[in-house]
Amino acid sequence: MRYRKLFEELPPLSAAALGTDYYGKTIPEPEARALMDAYLAAGGNVIDTAHVYSDYLPGVKHMSEKVIGRWLWDNDARSRVILCTKGGFPVVGDMHASRIDRDSIRADLYESLGCLGVDNVDIYWLHRDDPAKPVSEIAGWMDELYREGVFKYWGVSNWNSRRIEEIRAYCAENGLVPPACSQIKWSLAVPKPGSAGDDTLQEMDRAEHAWYLKNPLPLFAYSSQAKGFFSKLSATGGKDPGGKAGKRYFTAGNVKRFRTLERLSGETGYSPGQLAIWWMTRPGTIPTVPVIGPRNIDQLTDTLTGVNAEIAPDILKKYALFRKDHV
């Protein structure tokens, strides 16, 4: 496993984080435990969850965190993982019913700690932004929690760069602990505008990409495999794969990217899907940790093969797709 040192007070992070949405629901607990076991055995050390994960499905609430908590306890694994969770998600069913307020954030975090069975997490993310809230208020709430020792670092998920810049400047001016990282939707496949059906998401675009190149804030990229889009194109020979992957990503531009990956695949032996996840972590670009979401061990093994790919620079330089400034 490749690693990257991104935070002074944390060990080097593995090149990919394990996403845990749907654990305990569509990914039953035994399968979830097997995935975490295999990920840890392969050298992975970043587990990413959220207070709301699996709550959009019927049944027991906060199952992802509860499954992870039981696994951590049973395997005495807390010291071996960099544990990340998120709070402040809107009211389930109404993405514009913001819960970015002091009481909701605090309640989510402390409930998450209980579900996980831990005293603190390594990174705590605000799961959404509320542009109507002044950054001064949000910064104050997070600084207060930081000083209670319940997380080592905090970050923002689905915030645009203007708001990140604004809150970091406020923290610097007022001696508060700033957000240390960001999490947005990003993959090699560019989504069709509005295809996710959620305008509270922050997706990578050219303006955001240019900002991150100038401001190398550690970036965690969710949906980093675009619903397996490039792997599914391999199976269909470049035809519309259907499902969410096809609905959100099947465009002429993405098919062109796929054809480039096919050519590179012929030179390297790695599949287009493996090359697409390696693209997220290629050297010399934004310090990025892709969050991967395998549903079974075969998918995990395939993805980690891509994460750990070794590709000669003289091959890469022939492909504009792998230049630092590409998005």
C-alpha atoms as a PDB file:
ATOM      1  CA  MET A   1       0.000   0.000   0.000  1.00  0.00           C
ATOM      2  CA  ARG A   2       1.211   3.499  -0.802  1.00  0.00           C
ATOM      3  CA  TYR A   3       0.993   6.147   1.919  1.00  0.00           C
ATOM      4  CA  ARG A   4       0.968   9.923   2.137  1.00  0.00           C
ATOM      5  CA  LYS A   5       1.876  12.118   5.101  1.00  0.00           C
ATOM      6  CA  LEU A   6      -0.827  14.803   5.144  1.00  0.00           C
ATOM      7  CA  PHE A   7      -1.341  15.673   8.820  1.00  0.00           C
ATOM      8  CA  GLU A   8       1.317  16.393  11.416  1.00  0.00           C
ATOM      9  CA  GLU A   9      -0.472  14.608  14.264  1.00  0.00           C
ATOM     10  CA  LEU A  10      -1.549  11.527  12.280  1.00  0.00           C
ATOM     11  CA  PRO A  11       0.428   8.658  10.765  1.00  0.00           C
ATOM     12  CA  PRO A  12       0.791   8.624   6.975  1.00  0.00           C
ATOM     13  CA  LEU A  13      -2.555   7.908   5.338  1.00  0.00           C
ATOM     14  CA  SER A  14      -3.021   4.966   2.996  1.00  0.00           C
ATOM     15  CA  ALA A  15      -3.550   5.987  -0.617  1.00  0.00           C
ATOM     16  CA  ALA A  16      -7.272   5.201  -0.444  1.00  0.00           C
ATOM     17  CA  ALA A  17      -9.858   5.490   2.337  1.00  0.00           C
ATOM     18  CA  LEU A  18     -12.517   2.854   2.866  1.00  0.00           C
ATOM     19  CA  GLY A  19     -16.013   4.298   2.496  1.00  0.00           C
ATOM     20  CA  THR A  20     -18.671   2.597   4.605  1.00  0.00           C
ATOM     21  CA  ASP A  21     -22.055   3.828   3.412  1.00  0.00           C
ATOM     22  CA  TYR A  22     -24.814   1.191   3.645  1.00  0.00           C
ATOM     23  CA  TYR A  23     -22.877  -0.913   6.169  1.00  0.00           C
ATOM     24  CA  GLY A  24     -25.380  -2.847   8.228  1.00  0.00           C
ATOM     25  CA  LYS A  25     -28.114  -2.426   5.607  1.00  0.00           C
ATOM     26  CA  THR A  26     -27.503  -3.351   1.942  1.00  0.00           C
ATOM     27  CA  ILE A  27     -24.009  -4.461   2.979  1.00  0.00           C
ATOM     28  CA  PRO A  28     -24.828  -6.765   5.915  1.00  0.00           C
ATOM     29  CA  GLU A  29     -22.586  -6.689   8.958  1.00  0.00           C
ATOM     30  CA  PRO A  30     -20.670  -9.932   8.185  1.00  0.00           C
ATOM     31  CA  GLU A  31     -19.775  -8.656   4.701  1.00  0.00           C
ATOM     32  CA  ALA A  32     -18.868  -5.230   6.089  1.00  0.00           C
ATOM     33  CA  ARG A  33     -16.563  -6.822   8.653  1.00  0.00           C
ATOM     34  CA  ALA A  34     -14.905  -8.925   5.943  1.00  0.00           C
ATOM     35  CA  LEU A  35     -14.280  -5.789   3.883  1.00  0.00           C
ATOM     36  CA  MET A  36     -12.700  -3.968   6.825  1.00  0.00           C
ATOM     37  CA  ASP A  37     -10.586  -7.019   7.668  1.00  0.00           C
ATOM     38  CA  ALA A  38      -9.319  -7.287   4.086  1.00  0.00           C
ATOM     39  CA  TYR A  39      -8.705  -3.550   3.780  1.00  0.00           C
ATOM     40  CA  LEU A  40      -6.690  -3.497   7.008  1.00  0.00           C
ATOM     41  CA  ALA A  41      -4.739  -6.608   5.962  1.00  0.00           C
ATOM     42  CA  ALA A  42      -3.863  -4.913   2.654  1.00  0.00           C
ATOM     43  CA  GLY A  43      -2.354  -1.965   4.512  1.00  0.00           C
ATOM     44  CA  GLY A  44      -5.328   0.394   4.450  1.00  0.00           C
ATOM     45  CA  ASN A  45      -5.724   2.596   7.510  1.00  0.00           C
ATOM     46  CA  VAL A  46      -8.403   5.251   6.790  1.00  0.00           C
ATOM     47  CA  ILE A  47     -12.057   4.431   7.516  1.00  0.00           C
ATOM     48  CA  ASP A  48     -14.636   7.030   6.512  1.00  0.00           C
ATOM     49  CA  THR A  49     -18.192   6.958   7.852  1.00  0.00           C
ATOM     50  CA  ALA A  50     -20.965   9.392   8.813  1.00  0.00           C
ATOM     51  CA  HIS A  51     -23.671   9.841  11.420  1.00  0.00           C
ATOM     52  CA  VAL A  52     -26.315   9.570   8.676  1.00  0.00           C
ATOM     53  CA  TYR A  53     -24.919   6.601   6.753  1.00  0.00           C
ATOM     54  CA  SER A  54     -27.605   3.961   6.106  1.00  0.00           C
ATOM     55  CA  ASP A  55     -30.266   6.133   7.743  1.00  0.00           C
ATOM     56  CA  TYR A  56     -31.963   6.772   4.396  1.00  0.00           C
ATOM     57  CA  LEU A  57     -32.989   3.091   4.459  1.00  0.00           C
ATOM     58  CA  PRO A  58     -35.524   1.536   6.855  1.00  0.00           C
ATOM     59  CA  GLY A  59     -34.317  -0.039  10.063  1.00  0.00           C
ATOM     60  CA  VAL A  60     -31.965   0.760  12.937  1.00  0.00           C
ATOM     61  CA  LYS A  61     -30.340   4.195  12.755  1.00  0.00           C
ATOM     62  CA  HIS A  62     -26.607   4.893  12.449  1.00  0.00           C
ATOM     63  CA  MET A  63     -25.822   1.313  11.457  1.00  0.00           C
ATOM     64  CA  SER A  64     -22.574   2.142   9.636  1.00  0.00           C
ATOM     65  CA  GLU A  65     -21.039   3.644  12.768  1.00  0.00           C
ATOM     66  CA  LYS A  66     -22.397   0.860  14.970  1.00  0.00           C
ATOM     67  CA  VAL A  67     -20.991  -1.876  12.714  1.00  0.00           C
ATOM     68  CA  ILE A  68     -17.609  -0.127  12.649  1.00  0.00           C
ATOM     69  CA  GLY A  69     -17.681   0.354  16.415  1.00  0.00           C
ATOM     70  CA  ARG A  70     -18.288  -3.325  17.066  1.00  0.00           C
ATOM     71  CA  TRP A  71     -15.550  -4.273  14.587  1.00  0.00           C
ATOM     72  CA  LEU A  72     -13.068  -1.870  16.199  1.00  0.00           C
ATOM     73  CA  TRP A  73     -13.786  -3.343  19.631  1.00  0.00           C
ATOM     74  CA  ASP A  74     -13.664  -6.985  18.545  1.00  0.00           C
ATOM     75  CA  ASN A  75     -10.369  -6.495  16.688  1.00  0.00           C
ATOM     76  CA  ASP A  76      -8.743  -4.014  19.080  1.00  0.00           C
ATOM     77  CA  ALA A  77      -8.251  -1.964  15.921  1.00  0.00           C
ATOM     78  CA  ARG A  78      -8.730   1.638  17.037  1.00  0.00           C
ATOM     79  CA  SER A  79      -4.993   2.341  17.223  1.00  0.00           C
ATOM     80  CA  ARG A  80      -4.496   0.957  13.712  1.00  0.00           C
ATOM     81  CA  VAL A  81      -6.997   3.121  11.861  1.00  0.00           C
ATOM     82  CA  ILE A  82      -7.460   6.781  11.107  1.00  0.00           C
ATOM     83  CA  LEU A  83     -11.133   7.144  11.951  1.00  0.00           C
ATOM     84  CA  CYS A  84     -13.255   9.770  10.216  1.00  0.00           C
ATOM     85  CA  THR A  85     -16.941  10.564  10.581  1.00  0.00           C
ATOM     86  CA  LYS A  86     -19.300  13.339   9.577  1.00  0.00           C
ATOM     87  CA  GLY A  87     -22.201  15.249  11.093  1.00  0.00           C
ATOM     88  CA  GLY A  88     -24.500  18.132  10.357  1.00  0.00           C
ATOM     89  CA  PHE A  89     -26.300  16.369   7.498  1.00  0.00           C
ATOM     90  CA  PRO A  90     -29.650  17.949   6.560  1.00  0.00           C
ATOM     91  CA  VAL A  91     -32.943  16.451   7.668  1.00  0.00           C
ATOM     92  CA  VAL A  92     -33.273  13.125   5.837  1.00  0.00           C
ATOM     93  CA  GLY A  93     -35.782  13.650   3.052  1.00  0.00           C
ATOM     94  CA  ASP A  94     -35.261  17.414   2.805  1.00  0.00           C
ATOM     95  CA  MET A  95     -31.742  18.372   1.723  1.00  0.00           C
ATOM     96  CA  HIS A  96     -32.545  22.068   2.231  1.00  0.00           C
ATOM     97  CA  ALA A  97     -33.524  21.642   5.878  1.00  0.00           C
ATOM     98  CA  SER A  98     -30.087  22.561   7.207  1.00  0.00           C
ATOM     99  CA  ARG A  99     -28.748  21.157  10.451  1.00  0.00           C
ATOM    100  CA  ILE A 100     -25.601  23.292  10.490  1.00  0.00           C
ATOM    101  CA  ASP A 101     -26.159  24.712  13.937  1.00  0.00           C
ATOM    102  CA  ARG A 102     -24.320  24.335  17.229  1.00  0.00           C
ATOM    103  CA  ASP A 103     -26.745  21.959  18.907  1.00  0.00           C
ATOM    104  CA  SER A 104     -27.168  19.610  15.927  1.00  0.00           C
ATOM    105  CA  ILE A 105     -23.451  19.371  15.193  1.00  0.00           C
ATOM    106  CA  ARG A 106     -22.652  18.739  18.847  1.00  0.00           C
ATOM    107  CA  ALA A 107     -25.417  16.145  19.216  1.00  0.00           C
ATOM    108  CA  ASP A 108     -24.367  14.328  16.031  1.00  0.00           C
ATOM    109  CA  LEU A 109     -20.733  14.176  17.082  1.00  0.00           C
ATOM    110  CA  TYR A 110     -21.353  12.873  20.575  1.00  0.00           C
ATOM    111  CA  GLU A 111     -23.875  10.336  19.303  1.00  0.00           C
ATOM    112  CA  SER A 112     -21.317   9.217  16.705  1.00  0.00           C
ATOM    113  CA  LEU A 113     -18.706   8.706  19.409  1.00  0.00           C
ATOM    114  CA  GLY A 114     -21.166   6.520  21.279  1.00  0.00           C
ATOM    115  CA  CYS A 115     -22.007   4.452  18.197  1.00  0.00           C
ATOM    116  CA  LEU A 116     -18.317   4.017  17.383  1.00  0.00           C
ATOM    117  CA  GLY A 117     -17.408   3.246  20.974  1.00  0.00           C
ATOM    118  CA  VAL A 118     -14.563   5.780  21.046  1.00  0.00           C
ATOM    119  CA  ASP A 119     -13.634   8.933  22.948  1.00  0.00           C
ATOM    120  CA  ASN A 120     -12.529  10.830  19.857  1.00  0.00           C
ATOM    121  CA  VAL A 121     -12.111  10.568  16.094  1.00  0.00           C
ATOM    122  CA  ASP A 122      -9.148  11.614  14.005  1.00  0.00           C
ATOM    123  CA  ILE A 123     -11.072  13.733  11.490  1.00  0.00           C
ATOM    124  CA  TYR A 124     -14.556  15.143  11.954  1.00  0.00           C
ATOM    125  CA  TRP A 125     -16.304  16.537   8.882  1.00  0.00           C
ATOM    126  CA  LEU A 126     -19.203  18.938   8.598  1.00  0.00           C
ATOM    127  CA  HIS A 127     -21.261  16.947   6.093  1.00  0.00           C
ATOM    128  CA  ARG A 128     -22.770  19.999   4.393  1.00  0.00           C
ATOM    129  CA  ASP A 129     -22.502  23.776   4.388  1.00  0.00           C
ATOM    130  CA  ASP A 130     -25.169  26.313   5.150  1.00  0.00           C
ATOM    131  CA  PRO A 131     -24.171  29.500   3.306  1.00  0.00           C
ATOM    132  CA  ALA A 132     -26.710  31.453   5.353  1.00  0.00           C
ATOM    133  CA  LYS A 133     -24.644  30.827   8.498  1.00  0.00           C
ATOM    134  CA  PRO A 134     -21.717  33.219   9.046  1.00  0.00           C
ATOM    135  CA  VAL A 135     -18.376  31.435   9.094  1.00  0.00           C
ATOM    136  CA  SER A 136     -17.663  33.152  12.418  1.00  0.00           C
ATOM    137  CA  GLU A 137     -20.404  31.100  14.085  1.00  0.00           C
ATOM    138  CA  ILE A 138     -19.369  27.788  12.513  1.00  0.00           C
ATOM    139  CA  ALA A 139     -15.700  28.366  13.311  1.00  0.00           C
ATOM    140  CA  GLY A 140     -16.566  29.070  16.936  1.00  0.00           C
ATOM    141  CA  TRP A 141     -18.613  25.891  17.313  1.00  0.00           C
ATOM    142  CA  MET A 142     -15.864  23.736  15.813  1.00  0.00           C
ATOM    143  CA  ASP A 143     -13.096  25.360  17.850  1.00  0.00           C
ATOM    144  CA  GLU A 144     -15.112  24.709  21.000  1.00  0.00           C
ATOM    145  CA  LEU A 145     -15.446  21.010  20.136  1.00  0.00           C
ATOM    146  CA  TYR A 146     -11.773  20.754  19.213  1.00  0.00           C
ATOM    147  CA  ARG A 147     -10.801  22.029  22.647  1.00  0.00           C
ATOM    148  CA  GLU A 148     -12.977  19.345  24.221  1.00  0.00           C
ATOM    149  CA  GLY A 149     -10.630  16.783  22.652  1.00  0.00           C
ATOM    150  CA  VAL A 150     -13.239  14.924  20.600  1.00  0.00           C
ATOM    151  CA  PHE A 151     -11.334  15.153  17.305  1.00  0.00           C
ATOM    152  CA  LYS A 152      -7.772  15.854  16.193  1.00  0.00           C
ATOM    153  CA  TYR A 153      -8.699  17.639  12.965  1.00  0.00           C
ATOM    154  CA  TRP A 154     -11.891  18.905  11.426  1.00  0.00           C
ATOM    155  CA  GLY A 155     -12.798  19.300   7.801  1.00  0.00           C
ATOM    156  CA  VAL A 156     -15.596  20.382   5.515  1.00  0.00           C
ATOM    157  CA  SER A 157     -17.579  18.185   3.156  1.00  0.00           C
ATOM    158  CA  ASN A 158     -19.411  19.704   0.178  1.00  0.00           C
ATOM    159  CA  TRP A 159     -18.159  23.248   0.721  1.00  0.00           C
ATOM    160  CA  ASN A 160     -17.056  25.451  -2.157  1.00  0.00           C
ATOM    161  CA  SER A 161     -13.606  26.992  -2.154  1.00  0.00           C
ATOM    162  CA  ARG A 162     -14.901  30.511  -1.519  1.00  0.00           C
ATOM    163  CA  ARG A 163     -16.432  29.438   1.776  1.00  0.00           C
ATOM    164  CA  ILE A 164     -13.361  27.404   2.696  1.00  0.00           C
ATOM    165  CA  GLU A 165     -11.150  30.414   2.064  1.00  0.00           C
ATOM    166  CA  GLU A 166     -13.459  32.615   4.094  1.00  0.00           C
ATOM    167  CA  ILE A 167     -13.573  30.365   7.170  1.00  0.00           C
ATOM    168  CA  ARG A 168      -9.842  29.639   7.099  1.00  0.00           C
ATOM    169  CA  ALA A 169      -9.101  33.359   6.968  1.00  0.00           C
ATOM    170  CA  TYR A 170     -11.465  33.999   9.871  1.00  0.00           C
ATOM    171  CA  CYS A 171      -9.832  31.265  11.952  1.00  0.00           C
ATOM    172  CA  ALA A 172      -6.359  32.638  11.230  1.00  0.00           C
ATOM    173  CA  GLU A 173      -7.384  36.151  12.211  1.00  0.00           C
ATOM    174  CA  ASN A 174      -9.042  35.029  15.436  1.00  0.00           C
ATOM    175  CA  GLY A 175      -6.731  32.297  16.692  1.00  0.00           C
ATOM    176  CA  LEU A 176      -9.179  29.443  16.053  1.00  0.00           C
ATOM    177  CA  VAL A 177      -8.380  25.977  14.722  1.00  0.00           C
ATOM    178  CA  PRO A 178      -9.216  26.024  10.990  1.00  0.00           C
ATOM    179  CA  PRO A 179     -10.596  23.218   8.820  1.00  0.00           C
ATOM    180  CA  ALA A 180      -7.615  21.081   7.828  1.00  0.00           C
ATOM    181  CA  CYS A 181      -9.101  19.211   4.867  1.00  0.00           C
ATOM    182  CA  SER A 182     -11.954  19.107   2.404  1.00  0.00           C
ATOM    183  CA  GLN A 183     -14.175  16.413   0.953  1.00  0.00           C
ATOM    184  CA  ILE A 184     -15.957  16.836  -2.387  1.00  0.00           C
ATOM    185  CA  LYS A 185     -17.335  14.716  -5.208  1.00  0.00           C
ATOM    186  CA  TRP A 186     -14.617  13.989  -7.752  1.00  0.00           C
ATOM    187  CA  SER A 187     -13.626  11.285 -10.180  1.00  0.00           C
ATOM    188  CA  LEU A 188     -12.047  11.027 -13.604  1.00  0.00           C
ATOM    189  CA  ALA A 189     -15.565  10.729 -15.033  1.00  0.00           C
ATOM    190  CA  VAL A 190     -17.221  14.154 -15.218  1.00  0.00           C
ATOM    191  CA  PRO A 191     -20.898  13.921 -14.169  1.00  0.00           C
ATOM    192  CA  LYS A 192     -23.732  15.313 -16.234  1.00  0.00           C
ATOM    193  CA  PRO A 193     -24.853  18.621 -14.678  1.00  0.00           C
ATOM    194  CA  GLY A 194     -27.566  18.039 -12.105  1.00  0.00           C
ATOM    195  CA  SER A 195     -27.576  14.279 -12.597  1.00  0.00           C
ATOM    196  CA  ALA A 196     -27.127  13.539  -8.894  1.00  0.00           C
ATOM    197  CA  GLY A 197     -30.383  15.325  -8.106  1.00  0.00           C
ATOM    198  CA  ASP A 198     -28.886  17.092  -5.085  1.00  0.00           C
ATOM    199  CA  ASP A 199     -27.771  20.694  -5.399  1.00  0.00           C
ATOM    200  CA  THR A 200     -26.195  20.664  -1.918  1.00  0.00           C
ATOM    201  CA  LEU A 201     -23.320  18.524  -3.228  1.00  0.00           C
ATOM    202  CA  GLN A 202     -20.037  20.181  -4.156  1.00  0.00           C
ATOM    203  CA  GLU A 203     -18.558  18.651  -7.284  1.00  0.00           C
ATOM    204  CA  MET A 204     -15.127  19.327  -8.704  1.00  0.00           C
ATOM    205  CA  ASP A 205     -15.114  21.724 -11.640  1.00  0.00           C
ATOM    206  CA  ARG A 206     -12.431  23.793 -13.334  1.00  0.00           C
ATOM    207  CA  ALA A 207     -12.707  26.706 -10.916  1.00  0.00           C
ATOM    208  CA  GLU A 208     -12.551  24.457  -7.850  1.00  0.00           C
ATOM    209  CA  HIS A 209      -9.691  22.454  -9.357  1.00  0.00           C
ATOM    210  CA  ALA A 210      -7.695  25.620 -10.023  1.00  0.00           C
ATOM    211  CA  TRP A 211      -8.209  26.691  -6.398  1.00  0.00           C
ATOM    212  CA  TYR A 212      -7.001  23.363  -5.005  1.00  0.00           C
ATOM    213  CA  LEU A 213      -3.920  23.461  -7.235  1.00  0.00           C
ATOM    214  CA  LYS A 214      -3.018  26.836  -5.715  1.00  0.00           C
ATOM    215  CA  ASN A 215      -4.099  25.884  -2.198  1.00  0.00           C
ATOM    216  CA  PRO A 216      -2.969  22.293  -1.579  1.00  0.00           C
ATOM    217  CA  LEU A 217      -5.492  21.488   1.148  1.00  0.00           C
ATOM    218  CA  PRO A 218      -5.714  17.706   1.676  1.00  0.00           C
ATOM    219  CA  LEU A 219      -8.677  16.528  -0.342  1.00  0.00           C
ATOM    220  CA  PHE A 220     -10.802  13.436   0.186  1.00  0.00           C
ATOM    221  CA  ALA A 221     -12.680  12.570  -3.017  1.00  0.00           C
ATOM    222  CA  TYR A 222     -15.951  10.702  -2.633  1.00  0.00           C
ATOM    223  CA  SER A 223     -17.682   8.954  -5.557  1.00  0.00           C
ATOM    224  CA  SER A 224     -14.109   8.540  -6.755  1.00  0.00           C
ATOM    225  CA  GLN A 225     -15.023   5.581  -8.969  1.00  0.00           C
ATOM    226  CA  ALA A 226     -18.138   7.154 -10.475  1.00  0.00           C
ATOM    227  CA  LYS A 227     -20.343   4.167  -9.670  1.00  0.00           C
ATOM    228  CA  GLY A 228     -17.788   1.898 -11.363  1.00  0.00           C
ATOM    229  CA  PHE A 229     -18.358   3.728 -14.654  1.00  0.00           C
ATOM    230  CA  PHE A 230     -15.080   2.857 -16.397  1.00  0.00           C
ATOM    231  CA  SER A 231     -15.185  -0.779 -15.301  1.00  0.00           C
ATOM    232  CA  LYS A 232     -18.746  -1.014 -16.590  1.00  0.00           C
ATOM    233  CA  LEU A 233     -17.709   0.560 -19.910  1.00  0.00           C
ATOM    234  CA  SER A 234     -15.060  -2.139 -20.215  1.00  0.00           C
ATOM    235  CA  ALA A 235     -17.793  -4.742 -19.866  1.00  0.00           C
ATOM    236  CA  THR A 236     -20.038  -3.078 -22.466  1.00  0.00           C
ATOM    237  CA  GLY A 237     -17.281  -2.210 -24.931  1.00  0.00           C
ATOM    238  CA  GLY A 238     -17.898   1.500 -24.469  1.00  0.00           C
ATOM    239  CA  LYS A 239     -21.692   1.376 -24.731  1.00  0.00           C
ATOM    240  CA  ASP A 240     -24.071   2.954 -22.221  1.00  0.00           C
ATOM    241  CA  PRO A 241     -23.897   0.714 -19.123  1.00  0.00           C
ATOM    242  CA  GLY A 242     -27.272   1.879 -17.867  1.00  0.00           C
ATOM    243  CA  GLY A 243     -28.141   2.264 -14.203  1.00  0.00           C
ATOM    244  CA  LYS A 244     -26.868   5.198 -12.163  1.00  0.00           C
ATOM    245  CA  ALA A 245     -23.441   4.996 -13.802  1.00  0.00           C
ATOM    246  CA  GLY A 246     -24.935   5.451 -17.259  1.00  0.00           C
ATOM    247  CA  LYS A 247     -27.468   8.051 -16.198  1.00  0.00           C
ATOM    248  CA  ARG A 248     -24.880  10.221 -14.477  1.00  0.00           C
ATOM    249  CA  TYR A 249     -21.716   9.703 -16.510  1.00  0.00           C
ATOM    250  CA  PHE A 250     -22.383   8.404 -20.033  1.00  0.00           C
ATOM    251  CA  THR A 251     -21.221  11.329 -22.192  1.00  0.00           C
ATOM    252  CA  ALA A 252     -19.002  11.712 -25.247  1.00  0.00           C
ATOM    253  CA  GLY A 253     -16.296  13.287 -23.091  1.00  0.00           C
ATOM    254  CA  ASN A 254     -16.243  10.391 -20.653  1.00  0.00           C
ATOM    255  CA  VAL A 255     -16.207   7.837 -23.450  1.00  0.00           C
ATOM    256  CA  LYS A 256     -13.198   9.675 -24.875  1.00  0.00           C
ATOM    257  CA  ARG A 257     -11.492   9.381 -21.469  1.00  0.00           C
ATOM    258  CA  PHE A 258     -12.338   5.687 -21.490  1.00  0.00           C
ATOM    259  CA  ARG A 259     -10.695   5.189 -24.878  1.00  0.00           C
ATOM    260  CA  THR A 260      -7.550   6.856 -23.530  1.00  0.00           C
ATOM    261  CA  LEU A 261      -7.608   4.505 -20.549  1.00  0.00           C
ATOM    262  CA  GLU A 262      -8.002   1.571 -22.926  1.00  0.00           C
ATOM    263  CA  ARG A 263      -4.847   2.586 -24.788  1.00  0.00           C
ATOM    264  CA  LEU A 264      -2.930   3.008 -21.540  1.00  0.00           C
ATOM    265  CA  SER A 265      -4.303  -0.334 -20.381  1.00  0.00           C
ATOM    266  CA  GLY A 266      -2.727  -1.947 -23.420  1.00  0.00           C
ATOM    267  CA  GLU A 267       0.657  -0.536 -22.413  1.00  0.00           C
ATOM    268  CA  THR A 268       0.487  -1.281 -18.687  1.00  0.00           C
ATOM    269  CA  GLY A 269      -1.775  -4.294 -18.186  1.00  0.00           C
ATOM    270  CA  TYR A 270      -3.954  -2.415 -15.703  1.00  0.00           C
ATOM    271  CA  SER A 271      -7.671  -2.252 -16.475  1.00  0.00           C
ATOM    272  CA  PRO A 272      -9.385   1.077 -17.318  1.00  0.00           C
ATOM    273  CA  GLY A 273     -11.132   0.971 -13.934  1.00  0.00           C
ATOM    274  CA  GLN A 274      -7.848   0.470 -12.109  1.00  0.00           C
ATOM    275  CA  LEU A 275      -6.212   3.276 -14.062  1.00  0.00           C
ATOM    276  CA  ALA A 276      -9.113   5.614 -13.273  1.00  0.00           C
ATOM    277  CA  ILE A 277      -8.614   5.210  -9.515  1.00  0.00           C
ATOM    278  CA  TRP A 278      -4.826   5.520  -9.886  1.00  0.00           C
ATOM    279  CA  TRP A 279      -5.469   8.838 -11.694  1.00  0.00           C
ATOM    280  CA  MET A 280      -6.901  10.193  -8.435  1.00  0.00           C
ATOM    281  CA  THR A 281      -3.627   9.602  -6.580  1.00  0.00           C
ATOM    282  CA  ARG A 282      -1.086  10.233  -9.342  1.00  0.00           C
ATOM    283  CA  PRO A 283       2.101  11.995  -8.237  1.00  0.00           C
ATOM    284  CA  GLY A 284       2.537  15.741  -8.565  1.00  0.00           C
ATOM    285  CA  THR A 285      -1.089  16.782  -8.247  1.00  0.00           C
ATOM    286  CA  ILE A 286      -3.537  17.817  -5.514  1.00  0.00           C
ATOM    287  CA  PRO A 287      -2.908  15.787  -2.320  1.00  0.00           C
ATOM    288  CA  THR A 288      -5.925  13.511  -2.700  1.00  0.00           C
ATOM    289  CA  VAL A 289      -7.230  10.488  -0.821  1.00  0.00           C
ATOM    290  CA  PRO A 290      -9.986   8.820  -2.878  1.00  0.00           C
ATOM    291  CA  VAL A 291     -12.760   7.295  -0.818  1.00  0.00           C
ATOM    292  CA  ILE A 292     -13.563   3.900  -2.311  1.00  0.00           C
ATOM    293  CA  GLY A 293     -16.795   1.983  -1.817  1.00  0.00           C
ATOM    294  CA  PRO A 294     -16.338  -1.707  -2.653  1.00  0.00           C
ATOM    295  CA  ARG A 295     -19.295  -3.942  -1.940  1.00  0.00           C
ATOM    296  CA  ASN A 296     -17.347  -7.217  -1.898  1.00  0.00           C
ATOM    297  CA  ILE A 297     -13.789  -8.521  -1.573  1.00  0.00           C
ATOM    298  CA  ASP A 298     -13.295  -8.909  -5.338  1.00  0.00           C
ATOM    299  CA  GLN A 299     -14.119  -5.243  -5.882  1.00  0.00           C
ATOM    300  CA  LEU A 300     -11.820  -4.232  -3.031  1.00  0.00           C
ATOM    301  CA  THR A 301      -8.929  -6.284  -4.427  1.00  0.00           C
ATOM    302  CA  ASP A 302      -9.439  -4.894  -7.925  1.00  0.00           C
ATOM    303  CA  THR A 303      -9.581  -1.306  -6.670  1.00  0.00           C
ATOM    304  CA  LEU A 304      -6.491  -1.616  -4.476  1.00  0.00           C
ATOM    305  CA  THR A 305      -4.580  -3.056  -7.441  1.00  0.00           C
ATOM    306  CA  GLY A 306      -5.290   0.236  -9.188  1.00  0.00           C
ATOM    307  CA  VAL A 307      -4.477   2.342  -6.138  1.00  0.00           C
ATOM    308  CA  ASN A 308      -1.065   0.654  -5.894  1.00  0.00           C
ATOM    309  CA  ALA A 309      -0.313   0.598  -9.626  1.00  0.00           C
ATOM    310  CA  GLU A 310       3.207   1.412 -10.778  1.00  0.00           C
ATOM    311  CA  ILE A 311       3.362   3.173 -14.124  1.00  0.00           C
ATOM    312  CA  ALA A 312       6.571   4.349 -15.751  1.00  0.00           C
ATOM    313  CA  PRO A 313       6.823   8.135 -16.247  1.00  0.00           C
ATOM    314  CA  ASP A 314       7.879   7.713 -19.874  1.00  0.00           C
ATOM    315  CA  ILE A 315       4.540   6.026 -20.552  1.00  0.00           C
ATOM    316  CA  LEU A 316       2.472   8.584 -18.650  1.00  0.00           C
ATOM    317  CA  LYS A 317       4.001  11.605 -20.369  1.00  0.00           C
ATOM    318  CA  LYS A 318       2.339  10.544 -23.607  1.00  0.00           C
ATOM    319  CA  TYR A 319      -1.122  11.029 -22.089  1.00  0.00           C
ATOM    320  CA  ALA A 320      -2.513  14.516 -21.442  1.00  0.00           C
ATOM    321  CA  LEU A 321      -5.046  12.907 -19.126  1.00  0.00           C
ATOM    322  CA  PHE A 322      -2.334  12.439 -16.525  1.00  0.00           C
ATOM    323  CA  ARG A 323      -0.974  15.978 -16.467  1.00  0.00           C
ATOM    324  CA  LYS A 324      -1.149  17.908 -13.236  1.00  0.00           C
ATOM    325  CA  ASP A 325      -3.557  20.550 -14.516  1.00  0.00           C
ATOM    326  CA  HIS A 326      -6.120  18.207 -16.032  1.00  0.00           C
ATOM    327  CA  VAL A 327      -9.687  18.022 -14.791  1.00  0.00           C
END
